[in-house]
């Protein structure tokens, strides 16, 4: 599987087929709002969504951005992974 950055999203490909994505908006130059996560049902249970959230976290750290999670899955990940809270916009 290959994780790819595209404008305002990361997506996952498996053998050339897009199987998942995480999307965000940029309300200002220092913040991203993560609003959607999806994984093809046939690929669920393989931690793909968790890896997508990790890519968002890494992107935020690398670009010195704060994150506002809106997607329920991302909200939960930011609650349980303590490291992610370092980029959480309060």
N, C-alpha and C. Protein backbone atom coordinates (compact mmCIF):
# COMPACT_ATOMS: atom_id res chain seq x y z
N UNK A 1 0.83 -1.18 0.00
CA UNK A 1 0.00 0.00 0.00
C UNK A 1 0.88 1.24 0.00
N UNK A 2 0.36 2.25 -0.64
CA UNK A 2 1.10 3.48 -0.81
C UNK A 2 0.25 4.65 -0.30
N UNK A 3 0.83 5.45 0.61
CA UNK A 3 0.15 6.64 1.15
C UNK A 3 0.66 7.85 0.39
N UNK A 4 -0.28 8.66 -0.11
CA UNK A 4 0.07 9.75 -1.01
C UNK A 4 -0.58 11.04 -0.52
N UNK A 5 0.20 12.14 -0.55
CA UNK A 5 -0.35 13.46 -0.23
C UNK A 5 -0.87 14.10 -1.50
N UNK A 6 -2.04 14.68 -1.41
CA UNK A 6 -2.64 15.44 -2.49
C UNK A 6 -3.20 16.70 -1.84
N UNK A 7 -3.60 17.66 -2.61
CA UNK A 7 -4.11 18.89 -2.06
C UNK A 7 -5.20 18.62 -1.02
N UNK A 8 -4.94 19.01 0.21
CA UNK A 8 -5.88 18.89 1.33
C UNK A 8 -6.33 17.46 1.64
N UNK A 9 -5.49 16.49 1.36
CA UNK A 9 -5.83 15.12 1.74
C UNK A 9 -4.62 14.20 1.60
N UNK A 10 -4.71 13.10 2.30
CA UNK A 10 -3.83 11.96 2.08
C UNK A 10 -4.74 10.83 1.61
N UNK A 11 -4.26 10.03 0.70
CA UNK A 11 -5.04 8.87 0.29
C UNK A 11 -4.13 7.66 0.19
N UNK A 12 -4.76 6.50 0.15
CA UNK A 12 -4.04 5.23 0.12
C UNK A 12 -4.40 4.50 -1.15
N UNK A 13 -3.37 3.96 -1.80
CA UNK A 13 -3.58 3.14 -2.99
C UNK A 13 -3.07 1.73 -2.71
N UNK A 14 -3.78 0.77 -3.25
CA UNK A 14 -3.34 -0.62 -3.23
C UNK A 14 -3.43 -1.13 -4.66
N UNK A 15 -2.30 -1.41 -5.24
CA UNK A 15 -2.23 -1.86 -6.63
C UNK A 15 -2.95 -0.91 -7.59
N UNK A 16 -2.73 0.39 -7.38
CA UNK A 16 -3.31 1.40 -8.25
C UNK A 16 -4.74 1.79 -7.95
N UNK A 17 -5.37 1.14 -6.98
CA UNK A 17 -6.75 1.44 -6.63
C UNK A 17 -6.78 2.26 -5.34
N UNK A 18 -7.51 3.39 -5.38
CA UNK A 18 -7.65 4.20 -4.17
C UNK A 18 -8.58 3.49 -3.20
N UNK A 19 -8.09 3.25 -1.99
CA UNK A 19 -8.86 2.47 -1.02
C UNK A 19 -9.22 3.25 0.25
N UNK A 20 -8.70 4.45 0.39
CA UNK A 20 -9.01 5.23 1.58
C UNK A 20 -8.47 6.63 1.47
N UNK A 21 -9.01 7.52 2.33
CA UNK A 21 -8.55 8.89 2.34
C UNK A 21 -8.86 9.56 3.66
N UNK A 22 -8.13 10.63 3.93
CA UNK A 22 -8.40 11.52 5.04
C UNK A 22 -8.29 12.93 4.47
N UNK A 23 -9.27 13.78 4.75
CA UNK A 23 -9.30 15.10 4.15
C UNK A 23 -9.29 16.18 5.22
N UNK A 24 -8.84 17.36 4.80
CA UNK A 24 -8.80 18.50 5.72
C UNK A 24 -8.97 19.80 4.96
N UNK A 25 -9.33 20.84 5.70
CA UNK A 25 -9.41 22.19 5.16
C UNK A 25 -8.40 23.05 5.91
N UNK A 26 -8.13 24.23 5.38
CA UNK A 26 -7.18 25.15 5.99
C UNK A 26 -7.89 26.46 6.28
N UNK A 27 -8.49 26.61 7.48
CA UNK A 27 -9.20 27.86 7.79
C UNK A 27 -8.27 29.06 7.95
N UNK A 28 -7.00 28.78 8.27
CA UNK A 28 -5.99 29.83 8.33
C UNK A 28 -4.63 29.19 8.08
N UNK A 29 -3.60 29.99 8.05
CA UNK A 29 -2.28 29.48 7.67
C UNK A 29 -1.63 28.57 8.71
N UNK A 30 -2.17 28.55 9.94
CA UNK A 30 -1.57 27.75 11.01
C UNK A 30 -2.40 26.55 11.43
N UNK A 31 -3.52 26.31 10.77
CA UNK A 31 -4.47 25.30 11.25
C UNK A 31 -5.00 24.45 10.11
N UNK A 32 -5.20 23.15 10.43
CA UNK A 32 -5.96 22.29 9.53
C UNK A 32 -7.12 21.69 10.31
N UNK A 33 -8.25 21.57 9.64
CA UNK A 33 -9.45 20.96 10.21
C UNK A 33 -9.65 19.63 9.49
N UNK A 34 -9.50 18.54 10.24
CA UNK A 34 -9.62 17.20 9.65
C UNK A 34 -11.09 16.81 9.72
N UNK A 35 -11.72 16.69 8.54
CA UNK A 35 -13.17 16.57 8.50
C UNK A 35 -13.72 15.24 7.96
N UNK A 36 -12.84 14.36 7.48
CA UNK A 36 -13.37 13.14 6.86
C UNK A 36 -12.30 12.06 6.79
N UNK A 37 -12.69 10.85 7.12
CA UNK A 37 -11.83 9.68 6.95
C UNK A 37 -12.68 8.56 6.36
N UNK A 38 -12.13 7.87 5.38
CA UNK A 38 -12.86 6.76 4.76
C UNK A 38 -11.88 5.67 4.37
N UNK A 39 -12.27 4.42 4.60
CA UNK A 39 -11.53 3.27 4.12
C UNK A 39 -12.53 2.32 3.47
N UNK A 40 -12.20 1.85 2.28
CA UNK A 40 -13.04 0.88 1.57
C UNK A 40 -13.37 -0.27 2.52
N UNK A 41 -14.63 -0.66 2.60
CA UNK A 41 -15.04 -1.71 3.54
C UNK A 41 -14.23 -3.01 3.43
N UNK A 42 -13.77 -3.36 2.24
CA UNK A 42 -13.01 -4.61 2.09
C UNK A 42 -11.61 -4.51 2.70
N UNK A 43 -11.17 -3.30 3.05
CA UNK A 43 -9.85 -3.10 3.63
C UNK A 43 -9.90 -2.72 5.11
N UNK A 44 -11.08 -2.65 5.67
CA UNK A 44 -11.20 -2.26 7.07
C UNK A 44 -10.61 -3.33 7.98
N UNK A 45 -10.19 -2.90 9.17
CA UNK A 45 -9.59 -3.81 10.13
C UNK A 45 -8.09 -3.98 9.94
N UNK A 46 -7.49 -3.20 9.05
CA UNK A 46 -6.06 -3.30 8.78
C UNK A 46 -5.29 -2.06 9.28
N UNK A 47 -5.94 -1.25 10.10
CA UNK A 47 -5.34 -0.03 10.68
C UNK A 47 -5.00 1.04 9.65
N UNK A 48 -5.65 0.99 8.50
CA UNK A 48 -5.38 1.98 7.46
C UNK A 48 -5.81 3.36 7.91
N UNK A 49 -6.97 3.47 8.53
CA UNK A 49 -7.43 4.78 9.01
C UNK A 49 -6.48 5.34 10.06
N UNK A 50 -5.99 4.48 10.94
CA UNK A 50 -5.03 4.93 11.95
C UNK A 50 -3.75 5.44 11.30
N UNK A 51 -3.30 4.78 10.24
CA UNK A 51 -2.11 5.23 9.52
C UNK A 51 -2.37 6.58 8.83
N UNK A 52 -3.58 6.77 8.33
CA UNK A 52 -3.92 8.06 7.73
C UNK A 52 -3.88 9.17 8.76
N UNK A 53 -4.39 8.91 9.96
CA UNK A 53 -4.34 9.91 11.03
C UNK A 53 -2.88 10.21 11.38
N UNK A 54 -2.05 9.19 11.41
CA UNK A 54 -0.63 9.39 11.68
C UNK A 54 0.00 10.29 10.62
N UNK A 55 -0.39 10.13 9.37
CA UNK A 55 0.13 11.00 8.31
C UNK A 55 -0.30 12.45 8.55
N UNK A 56 -1.52 12.64 8.99
CA UNK A 56 -1.99 14.00 9.31
C UNK A 56 -1.16 14.59 10.44
N UNK A 57 -0.92 13.80 11.48
CA UNK A 57 -0.11 14.27 12.60
C UNK A 57 1.29 14.65 12.12
N UNK A 58 1.92 13.77 11.37
CA UNK A 58 3.27 14.05 10.87
C UNK A 58 3.29 15.30 9.99
N UNK A 59 2.29 15.46 9.16
CA UNK A 59 2.17 16.63 8.30
C UNK A 59 2.07 17.90 9.14
N UNK A 60 1.26 17.84 10.19
CA UNK A 60 1.10 19.00 11.08
C UNK A 60 2.43 19.34 11.76
N UNK A 61 3.11 18.34 12.27
CA UNK A 61 4.40 18.58 12.93
C UNK A 61 5.41 19.18 11.95
N UNK A 62 5.53 18.57 10.79
CA UNK A 62 6.51 19.03 9.79
C UNK A 62 6.24 20.46 9.33
N UNK A 63 4.97 20.85 9.30
CA UNK A 63 4.59 22.16 8.80
C UNK A 63 4.22 23.15 9.90
N UNK A 64 4.46 22.74 11.15
CA UNK A 64 4.17 23.59 12.32
C UNK A 64 2.72 24.08 12.31
N UNK A 65 1.80 23.12 12.16
CA UNK A 65 0.37 23.41 12.10
C UNK A 65 -0.33 22.85 13.34
N UNK A 66 -1.45 23.46 13.67
CA UNK A 66 -2.34 22.92 14.69
C UNK A 66 -3.46 22.16 13.98
N UNK A 67 -4.04 21.19 14.69
CA UNK A 67 -5.09 20.36 14.13
C UNK A 67 -6.37 20.53 14.94
N UNK A 68 -7.48 20.68 14.23
CA UNK A 68 -8.81 20.63 14.82
C UNK A 68 -9.49 19.40 14.23
N UNK A 69 -9.63 18.33 15.01
CA UNK A 69 -10.30 17.15 14.49
C UNK A 69 -11.82 17.33 14.56
N UNK A 70 -12.49 17.06 13.46
CA UNK A 70 -13.95 17.13 13.40
C UNK A 70 -14.53 15.75 13.11
N UNK A 71 -13.88 15.00 12.25
CA UNK A 71 -14.29 13.64 11.95
C UNK A 71 -14.29 12.82 13.24
N UNK A 72 -15.37 12.11 13.54
CA UNK A 72 -15.44 11.35 14.80
C UNK A 72 -14.29 10.37 15.01
N UNK A 73 -13.85 9.72 13.97
CA UNK A 73 -12.73 8.78 14.11
C UNK A 73 -11.46 9.52 14.52
N UNK A 74 -11.21 10.65 13.89
CA UNK A 74 -10.01 11.43 14.19
C UNK A 74 -10.10 12.02 15.59
N UNK A 75 -11.27 12.47 15.99
CA UNK A 75 -11.46 12.96 17.35
C UNK A 75 -11.05 11.89 18.35
N UNK A 76 -11.51 10.67 18.14
CA UNK A 76 -11.19 9.56 19.04
C UNK A 76 -9.69 9.27 19.05
N UNK A 77 -9.06 9.25 17.89
CA UNK A 77 -7.63 9.00 17.82
C UNK A 77 -6.84 10.07 18.57
N UNK A 78 -7.27 11.32 18.47
CA UNK A 78 -6.59 12.40 19.18
C UNK A 78 -6.82 12.32 20.68
N UNK A 79 -7.88 11.65 21.10
CA UNK A 79 -8.10 11.44 22.53
C UNK A 79 -7.22 10.33 23.08
N UNK A 80 -7.01 9.27 22.32
CA UNK A 80 -6.32 8.09 22.85
C UNK A 80 -4.81 8.06 22.57
N UNK A 81 -4.35 8.79 21.57
CA UNK A 81 -2.92 8.82 21.28
C UNK A 81 -2.37 10.13 21.85
N UNK A 82 -1.74 10.01 22.99
CA UNK A 82 -1.27 11.19 23.72
C UNK A 82 -0.36 12.09 22.88
N UNK A 83 0.49 11.49 22.09
CA UNK A 83 1.42 12.25 21.24
C UNK A 83 0.70 13.24 20.33
N UNK A 84 -0.47 12.87 19.83
CA UNK A 84 -1.21 13.72 18.90
C UNK A 84 -1.67 15.02 19.56
N UNK A 85 -1.84 15.00 20.84
CA UNK A 85 -2.35 16.17 21.55
C UNK A 85 -1.40 17.36 21.47
N UNK A 86 -0.14 17.11 21.11
CA UNK A 86 0.82 18.21 21.00
C UNK A 86 0.49 19.15 19.86
N UNK A 87 -0.29 18.72 18.88
CA UNK A 87 -0.67 19.59 17.77
C UNK A 87 -2.14 19.98 17.80
N UNK A 88 -2.82 19.57 18.84
CA UNK A 88 -4.25 19.84 18.98
C UNK A 88 -4.47 21.32 19.27
N UNK A 89 -5.31 21.95 18.48
CA UNK A 89 -5.63 23.36 18.70
C UNK A 89 -6.66 23.45 19.81
N UNK A 90 -6.32 24.19 20.82
CA UNK A 90 -7.20 24.29 22.00
C UNK A 90 -8.07 25.50 21.95
